[in-house]
Amino acid sequence: KIHTTYSFGLDDQEFVVAFESDSVADFLDLVQ
């Protein structure tokens, strides 16, 4: 599950993304 939040004008980045997962391997495969 992805949680995308926005930082335009608030911090140095434009977004902060946080992914909840049951598996480390699945997240690695998704990012690849």
ModelCIF file with pLDDT and N, C-alpha, C, O atoms, coordinates in Angstrom:
data_MODEL
#
_entry.id   MODEL 
#
_entity.id                         1 
_entity.type                       polymer 
_entity.pdbx_number_of_molecules   1 
#
_entity_poly.entity_id                      1 
_entity_poly.type                           'polypeptide(L)' 
_entity_poly.nstd_linkage                   no 
_entity_poly.nstd_monomer                   no 
_entity_poly.pdbx_seq_one_letter_code       KIHTTYSFGLDDQEFVVAFESDSVADFLDLVQ 
_entity_poly.pdbx_seq_one_letter_code_can   KIHTTYSFGLDDQEFVVAFESDSVADFLDLVQ 
_entity_poly.pdbx_strand_id                 A 
#
loop_
_entity_poly_seq.entity_id 
_entity_poly_seq.num 
_entity_poly_seq.mon_id 
_entity_poly_seq.hetero 
1 1  LYS n 
1 2  ILE n 
1 3  HIS n 
1 4  THR n 
1 5  THR n 
1 6  TYR n 
1 7  SER n 
1 8  PHE n 
1 9  GLY n 
1 10 LEU n 
1 11 ASP n 
1 12 ASP n 
1 13 GLN n 
1 14 GLU n 
1 15 PHE n 
1 16 VAL n 
1 17 VAL n 
1 18 ALA n 
1 19 PHE n 
1 20 GLU n 
1 21 SER n 
1 22 ASP n 
1 23 SER n 
1 24 VAL n 
1 25 ALA n 
1 26 ASP n 
1 27 PHE n 
1 28 LEU n 
1 29 ASP n 
1 30 LEU n 
1 31 VAL n 
1 32 GLN n 
#
_struct_asym.id          A 
_struct_asym.entity_id   1 
#
loop_
_ma_qa_metric.id 
_ma_qa_metric.mode 
_ma_qa_metric.name 
_ma_qa_metric.software_group_id 
_ma_qa_metric.type 
1 global pLDDT . pLDDT 
2 local  pLDDT . pLDDT 
#
_ma_qa_metric_global.metric_id      1 
_ma_qa_metric_global.metric_value   96.47 
_ma_qa_metric_global.model_id       1 
_ma_qa_metric_global.ordinal_id     1 
#
loop_
_ma_qa_metric_local.label_asym_id 
_ma_qa_metric_local.label_comp_id 
_ma_qa_metric_local.label_seq_id 
_ma_qa_metric_local.metric_id 
_ma_qa_metric_local.metric_value 
_ma_qa_metric_local.model_id 
_ma_qa_metric_local.ordinal_id 
A LYS 1  2 95.00 1 1  
A ILE 2  2 94.00 1 2  
A HIS 3  2 95.00 1 3  
A THR 4  2 95.00 1 4  
A THR 5  2 96.00 1 5  
A TYR 6  2 97.00 1 6  
A SER 7  2 97.00 1 7  
A PHE 8  2 97.00 1 8  
A GLY 9  2 96.00 1 9  
A LEU 10 2 97.00 1 10 
A ASP 11 2 97.00 1 11 
A ASP 12 2 97.00 1 12 
A GLN 13 2 97.00 1 13 
A GLU 14 2 97.00 1 14 
A PHE 15 2 97.00 1 15 
A VAL 16 2 97.00 1 16 
A VAL 17 2 96.00 1 17 
A ALA 18 2 97.00 1 18 
A PHE 19 2 97.00 1 19 
A GLU 20 2 97.00 1 20 
A SER 21 2 97.00 1 21 
A ASP 22 2 96.00 1 22 
A SER 23 2 97.00 1 23 
A VAL 24 2 97.00 1 24 
A ALA 25 2 97.00 1 25 
A ASP 26 2 97.00 1 26 
A PHE 27 2 97.00 1 27 
A LEU 28 2 97.00 1 28 
A ASP 29 2 96.00 1 29 
A LEU 30 2 96.00 1 30 
A VAL 31 2 96.00 1 31 
A GLN 32 2 96.00 1 32 
#
loop_
_atom_site.group_PDB 
_atom_site.id 
_atom_site.type_symbol 
_atom_site.label_atom_id 
_atom_site.label_alt_id 
_atom_site.label_comp_id 
_atom_site.label_asym_id 
_atom_site.label_entity_id 
_atom_site.label_seq_id 
_atom_site.pdbx_PDB_ins_code 
_atom_site.Cartn_x 
_atom_site.Cartn_y 
_atom_site.Cartn_z 
_atom_site.occupancy 
_atom_site.B_iso_or_equiv 
_atom_site.pdbx_formal_charge 
_atom_site.auth_seq_id 
_atom_site.auth_comp_id 
_atom_site.auth_asym_id 
_atom_site.auth_atom_id 
_atom_site.pdbx_PDB_model_num 
ATOM 1   N N  . LYS A 1 1  ? 0.849  -1.193 0.000   1.00 95.00 ? 1  LYS A N  1 
ATOM 2   C CA . LYS A 1 1  ? 0.000  0.000  0.000   1.00 95.00 ? 1  LYS A CA 1 
ATOM 3   C C  . LYS A 1 1  ? 0.884  1.242  0.000   1.00 95.00 ? 1  LYS A C  1 
ATOM 4   O O  . LYS A 1 1  ? 1.796  1.365  0.818   1.00 95.00 ? 1  LYS A O  1 
ATOM 5   N N  . ILE A 1 2  ? 0.608  2.157  -0.921  1.00 94.00 ? 2  ILE A N  1 
ATOM 6   C CA . ILE A 1 2  ? 1.404  3.380  -1.021  1.00 94.00 ? 2  ILE A CA 1 
ATOM 7   C C  . ILE A 1 2  ? 0.683  4.549  -0.361  1.00 94.00 ? 2  ILE A C  1 
ATOM 8   O O  . ILE A 1 2  ? -0.531 4.706  -0.490  1.00 94.00 ? 2  ILE A O  1 
ATOM 9   N N  . HIS A 1 3  ? 1.456  5.362  0.348   1.00 95.00 ? 3  HIS A N  1 
ATOM 10  C CA . HIS A 1 3  ? 0.971  6.630  0.901   1.00 95.00 ? 3  HIS A CA 1 
ATOM 11  C C  . HIS A 1 3  ? 1.832  7.728  0.270   1.00 95.00 ? 3  HIS A C  1 
ATOM 12  O O  . HIS A 1 3  ? 3.011  7.858  0.598   1.00 95.00 ? 3  HIS A O  1 
ATOM 13  N N  . THR A 1 4  ? 1.254  8.500  -0.615  1.00 95.00 ? 4  THR A N  1 
ATOM 14  C CA . THR A 1 4  ? 1.986  9.592  -1.250  1.00 95.00 ? 4  THR A CA 1 
ATOM 15  C C  . THR A 1 4  ? 1.562  10.906 -0.611  1.00 95.00 ? 4  THR A C  1 
ATOM 16  O O  . THR A 1 4  ? 0.379  11.244 -0.596  1.00 95.00 ? 4  THR A O  1 
ATOM 17  N N  . THR A 1 5  ? 2.530  11.643 -0.084  1.00 96.00 ? 5  THR A N  1 
ATOM 18  C CA . THR A 1 5  ? 2.249  12.965 0.478   1.00 96.00 ? 5  THR A CA 1 
ATOM 19  C C  . THR A 1 5  ? 3.119  13.998 -0.231  1.00 96.00 ? 5  THR A C  1 
ATOM 20  O O  . THR A 1 5  ? 4.131  13.656 -0.843  1.00 96.00 ? 5  THR A O  1 
ATOM 21  N N  . TYR A 1 6  ? 2.719  15.253 -0.142  1.00 97.00 ? 6  TYR A N  1 
ATOM 22  C CA . TYR A 1 6  ? 3.275  16.308 -0.986  1.00 97.00 ? 6  TYR A CA 1 
ATOM 23  C C  . TYR A 1 6  ? 4.037  17.332 -0.145  1.00 97.00 ? 6  TYR A C  1 
ATOM 24  O O  . TYR A 1 6  ? 3.613  17.703 0.949   1.00 97.00 ? 6  TYR A O  1 
ATOM 25  N N  . SER A 1 7  ? 5.183  17.784 -0.692  1.00 97.00 ? 7  SER A N  1 
ATOM 26  C CA . SER A 1 7  ? 6.058  18.700 0.039   1.00 97.00 ? 7  SER A CA 1 
ATOM 27  C C  . SER A 1 7  ? 6.359  19.997 -0.698  1.00 97.00 ? 7  SER A C  1 
ATOM 28  O O  . SER A 1 7  ? 7.227  20.752 -0.260  1.00 97.00 ? 7  SER A O  1 
ATOM 29  N N  . PHE A 1 8  ? 5.679  20.280 -1.795  1.00 97.00 ? 8  PHE A N  1 
ATOM 30  C CA . PHE A 1 8  ? 5.968  21.484 -2.574  1.00 97.00 ? 8  PHE A CA 1 
ATOM 31  C C  . PHE A 1 8  ? 5.949  22.727 -1.683  1.00 97.00 ? 8  PHE A C  1 
ATOM 32  O O  . PHE A 1 8  ? 4.922  23.064 -1.095  1.00 97.00 ? 8  PHE A O  1 
ATOM 33  N N  . GLY A 1 9  ? 7.086  23.396 -1.593  1.00 96.00 ? 9  GLY A N  1 
ATOM 34  C CA . GLY A 1 9  ? 7.174  24.607 -0.795  1.00 96.00 ? 9  GLY A CA 1 
ATOM 35  C C  . GLY A 1 9  ? 7.274  24.382 0.696   1.00 96.00 ? 9  GLY A C  1 
ATOM 36  O O  . GLY A 1 9  ? 7.484  25.338 1.442   1.00 96.00 ? 9  GLY A O  1 
ATOM 37  N N  . LEU A 1 10 ? 7.130  23.135 1.164   1.00 97.00 ? 10 LEU A N  1 
ATOM 38  C CA . LEU A 1 10 ? 7.173  22.843 2.594   1.00 97.00 ? 10 LEU A CA 1 
ATOM 39  C C  . LEU A 1 10 ? 8.521  22.296 3.046   1.00 97.00 ? 10 LEU A C  1 
ATOM 40  O O  . LEU A 1 10 ? 8.949  22.532 4.176   1.00 97.00 ? 10 LEU A O  1 
ATOM 41  N N  . ASP A 1 11 ? 9.191  21.559 2.148   1.00 97.00 ? 11 ASP A N  1 
ATOM 42  C CA . ASP A 1 11 ? 10.458 20.915 2.510   1.00 97.00 ? 11 ASP A CA 1 
ATOM 43  C C  . ASP A 1 11 ? 11.296 20.788 1.247   1.00 97.00 ? 11 ASP A C  1 
ATOM 44  O O  . ASP A 1 11 ? 10.884 21.244 0.180   1.00 97.00 ? 11 ASP A O  1 
ATOM 45  N N  . ASP A 1 12 ? 12.465 20.174 1.358   1.00 97.00 ? 12 ASP A N  1 
ATOM 46  C CA . ASP A 1 12 ? 13.400 20.133 0.235   1.00 97.00 ? 12 ASP A CA 1 
ATOM 47  C C  . ASP A 1 12 ? 12.949 19.231 -0.900  1.00 97.00 ? 12 ASP A C  1 
ATOM 48  O O  . ASP A 1 12 ? 13.324 19.462 -2.049  1.00 97.00 ? 12 ASP A O  1 
ATOM 49  N N  . GLN A 1 13 ? 12.150 18.204 -0.610  1.00 97.00 ? 13 GLN A N  1 
ATOM 50  C CA . GLN A 1 13 ? 11.669 17.297 -1.640  1.00 97.00 ? 13 GLN A CA 1 
ATOM 51  C C  . GLN A 1 13 ? 10.302 17.770 -2.153  1.00 97.00 ? 13 GLN A C  1 
ATOM 52  O O  . GLN A 1 13 ? 9.715  18.707 -1.612  1.00 97.00 ? 13 GLN A O  1 
ATOM 53  N N  . GLU A 1 14 ? 9.811  17.110 -3.199  1.00 97.00 ? 14 GLU A N  1 
ATOM 54  C CA . GLU A 1 14 ? 8.481  17.415 -3.737  1.00 97.00 ? 14 GLU A CA 1 
ATOM 55  C C  . GLU A 1 14 ? 7.421  16.466 -3.195  1.00 97.00 ? 14 GLU A C  1 
ATOM 56  O O  . GLU A 1 14 ? 6.266  16.851 -3.016  1.00 97.00 ? 14 GLU A O  1 
ATOM 57  N N  . PHE A 1 15 ? 7.821  15.226 -2.934  1.00 97.00 ? 15 PHE A N  1 
ATOM 58  C CA . PHE A 1 15 ? 6.919  14.221 -2.384  1.00 97.00 ? 15 PHE A CA 1 
ATOM 59  C C  . PHE A 1 15 ? 7.663  13.430 -1.311  1.00 97.00 ? 15 PHE A C  1 
ATOM 60  O O  . PHE A 1 15 ? 8.893  13.383 -1.286  1.00 97.00 ? 15 PHE A O  1 
ATOM 61  N N  . VAL A 1 16 ? 6.889  12.813 -0.431  1.00 97.00 ? 16 VAL A N  1 
ATOM 62  C CA . VAL A 1 16 ? 7.414  11.747 0.421   1.00 97.00 ? 16 VAL A CA 1 
ATOM 63  C C  . VAL A 1 16 ? 6.525  10.544 0.169   1.00 97.00 ? 16 VAL A C  1 
ATOM 64  O O  . VAL A 1 16 ? 5.305  10.626 0.310   1.00 97.00 ? 16 VAL A O  1 
ATOM 65  N N  . VAL A 1 17 ? 7.130  9.433  -0.201  1.00 96.00 ? 17 VAL A N  1 
ATOM 66  C CA . VAL A 1 17 ? 6.355  8.219  -0.450  1.00 96.00 ? 17 VAL A CA 1 
ATOM 67  C C  . VAL A 1 17 ? 6.684  7.198  0.622   1.00 96.00 ? 17 VAL A C  1 
ATOM 68  O O  . VAL A 1 17 ? 7.843  7.000  0.985   1.00 96.00 ? 17 VAL A O  1 
ATOM 69  N N  . ALA A 1 18 ? 5.644  6.557  1.118   1.00 97.00 ? 18 ALA A N  1 
ATOM 70  C CA . ALA A 1 18 ? 5.795  5.535  2.153   1.00 97.00 ? 18 ALA A CA 1 
ATOM 71  C C  . ALA A 1 18 ? 4.990  4.314  1.717   1.00 97.00 ? 18 ALA A C  1 
ATOM 72  O O  . ALA A 1 18 ? 3.794  4.416  1.446   1.00 97.00 ? 18 ALA A O  1 
ATOM 73  N N  . PHE A 1 19 ? 5.646  3.175  1.651   1.00 97.00 ? 19 PHE A N  1 
ATOM 74  C CA . PHE A 1 19 ? 5.011  1.944  1.193   1.00 97.00 ? 19 PHE A CA 1 
ATOM 75  C C  . PHE A 1 19 ? 4.901  0.973  2.369   1.00 97.00 ? 19 PHE A C  1 
ATOM 76  O O  . PHE A 1 19 ? 5.916  0.591  2.952   1.00 97.00 ? 19 PHE A O  1 
ATOM 77  N N  . GLU A 1 20 ? 3.699  0.579  2.715   1.00 97.00 ? 20 GLU A N  1 
ATOM 78  C CA . GLU A 1 20 ? 3.509  -0.492 3.682   1.00 97.00 ? 20 GLU A CA 1 
ATOM 79  C C  . GLU A 1 20 ? 3.520  -1.822 2.929   1.00 97.00 ? 20 GLU A C  1 
ATOM 80  O O  . GLU A 1 20 ? 2.939  -1.936 1.849   1.00 97.00 ? 20 GLU A O  1 
ATOM 81  N N  . SER A 1 21 ? 4.180  -2.819 3.500   1.00 97.00 ? 21 SER A N  1 
ATOM 82  C CA . SER A 1 21 ? 4.280  -4.107 2.807   1.00 97.00 ? 21 SER A CA 1 
ATOM 83  C C  . SER A 1 21 ? 4.400  -5.256 3.793   1.00 97.00 ? 21 SER A C  1 
ATOM 84  O O  . SER A 1 21 ? 4.853  -5.085 4.925   1.00 97.00 ? 21 SER A O  1 
ATOM 85  N N  . ASP A 1 22 ? 3.979  -6.442 3.332   1.00 96.00 ? 22 ASP A N  1 
ATOM 86  C CA . ASP A 1 22 ? 4.158  -7.670 4.109   1.00 96.00 ? 22 ASP A CA 1 
ATOM 87  C C  . ASP A 1 22 ? 5.471  -8.352 3.764   1.00 96.00 ? 22 ASP A C  1 
ATOM 88  O O  . ASP A 1 22 ? 5.875  -9.309 4.425   1.00 96.00 ? 22 ASP A O  1 
ATOM 89  N N  . SER A 1 23 ? 6.143  -7.851 2.713   1.00 97.00 ? 23 SER A N  1 
ATOM 90  C CA . SER A 1 23 ? 7.321  -8.556 2.203   1.00 97.00 ? 23 SER A CA 1 
ATOM 91  C C  . SER A 1 23 ? 8.391  -7.570 1.751   1.00 97.00 ? 23 SER A C  1 
ATOM 92  O O  . SER A 1 23 ? 8.110  -6.649 0.984   1.00 97.00 ? 23 SER A O  1 
ATOM 93  N N  . VAL A 1 24 ? 9.610  -7.763 2.225   1.00 97.00 ? 24 VAL A N  1 
ATOM 94  C CA . VAL A 1 24 ? 10.736 -6.960 1.763   1.00 97.00 ? 24 VAL A CA 1 
ATOM 95  C C  . VAL A 1 24 ? 11.046 -7.292 0.310   1.00 97.00 ? 24 VAL A C  1 
ATOM 96  O O  . VAL A 1 24 ? 11.331 -6.399 -0.488  1.00 97.00 ? 24 VAL A O  1 
ATOM 97  N N  . ALA A 1 25 ? 10.990 -8.568 -0.031  1.00 97.00 ? 25 ALA A N  1 
ATOM 98  C CA . ALA A 1 25 ? 11.318 -9.009 -1.396  1.00 97.00 ? 25 ALA A CA 1 
ATOM 99  C C  . ALA A 1 25 ? 10.351 -8.420 -2.421  1.00 97.00 ? 25 ALA A C  1 
ATOM 100 O O  . ALA A 1 25 ? 10.770 -8.003 -3.500  1.00 97.00 ? 25 ALA A O  1 
ATOM 101 N N  . ASP A 1 26 ? 9.063  -8.384 -2.091  1.00 97.00 ? 26 ASP A N  1 
ATOM 102 C CA . ASP A 1 26 ? 8.084  -7.839 -3.025  1.00 97.00 ? 26 ASP A CA 1 
ATOM 103 C C  . ASP A 1 26 ? 8.343  -6.371 -3.309  1.00 97.00 ? 26 ASP A C  1 
ATOM 104 O O  . ASP A 1 26 ? 8.208  -5.917 -4.445  1.00 97.00 ? 26 ASP A O  1 
ATOM 105 N N  . PHE A 1 27 ? 8.717  -5.629 -2.270  1.00 97.00 ? 27 PHE A N  1 
ATOM 106 C CA . PHE A 1 27 ? 8.984  -4.207 -2.497  1.00 97.00 ? 27 PHE A CA 1 
ATOM 107 C C  . PHE A 1 27 ? 10.220 -4.017 -3.363  1.00 97.00 ? 27 PHE A C  1 
ATOM 108 O O  . PHE A 1 27 ? 10.230 -3.158 -4.245  1.00 97.00 ? 27 PHE A O  1 
ATOM 109 N N  . LEU A 1 28 ? 11.263 -4.808 -3.124  1.00 97.00 ? 28 LEU A N  1 
ATOM 110 C CA . LEU A 1 28 ? 12.460 -4.734 -3.969  1.00 97.00 ? 28 LEU A CA 1 
ATOM 111 C C  . LEU A 1 28 ? 12.091 -4.990 -5.430  1.00 97.00 ? 28 LEU A C  1 
ATOM 112 O O  . LEU A 1 28 ? 12.535 -4.264 -6.319  1.00 97.00 ? 28 LEU A O  1 
ATOM 113 N N  . ASP A 1 29 ? 11.281 -6.019 -5.679  1.00 96.00 ? 29 ASP A N  1 
ATOM 114 C CA . ASP A 1 29 ? 10.898 -6.344 -7.058  1.00 96.00 ? 29 ASP A CA 1 
ATOM 115 C C  . ASP A 1 29 ? 10.075 -5.224 -7.683  1.00 96.00 ? 29 ASP A C  1 
ATOM 116 O O  . ASP A 1 29 ? 10.255 -4.906 -8.858  1.00 96.00 ? 29 ASP A O  1 
ATOM 117 N N  . LEU A 1 30 ? 9.180  -4.628 -6.915  1.00 96.00 ? 30 LEU A N  1 
ATOM 118 C CA . LEU A 1 30 ? 8.354  -3.535 -7.435  1.00 96.00 ? 30 LEU A CA 1 
ATOM 119 C C  . LEU A 1 30 ? 9.211  -2.342 -7.841  1.00 96.00 ? 30 LEU A C  1 
ATOM 120 O O  . LEU A 1 30 ? 9.023  -1.780 -8.920  1.00 96.00 ? 30 LEU A O  1 
ATOM 121 N N  . VAL A 1 31 ? 10.147 -1.957 -6.987  1.00 96.00 ? 31 VAL A N  1 
ATOM 122 C CA . VAL A 1 31 ? 11.001 -0.809 -7.298  1.00 96.00 ? 31 VAL A CA 1 
ATOM 123 C C  . VAL A 1 31 ? 11.863 -1.086 -8.519  1.00 96.00 ? 31 VAL A C  1 
ATOM 124 O O  . VAL A 1 31 ? 12.066 -0.207 -9.356  1.00 96.00 ? 31 VAL A O  1 
ATOM 125 N N  . GLN A 1 32 ? 12.372 -2.319 -8.620  1.00 96.00 ? 32 GLN A N  1 
ATOM 126 C CA . GLN A 1 32 ? 13.183 -2.665 -9.792  1.00 96.00 ? 32 GLN A CA 1 
ATOM 127 C C  . GLN A 1 32 ? 12.359 -2.563 -11.074 1.00 96.00 ? 32 GLN A C  1 
ATOM 128 O O  . GLN A 1 32 ? 12.875 -2.818 -12.162 1.00 96.00 ? 32 GLN A O  1 
#
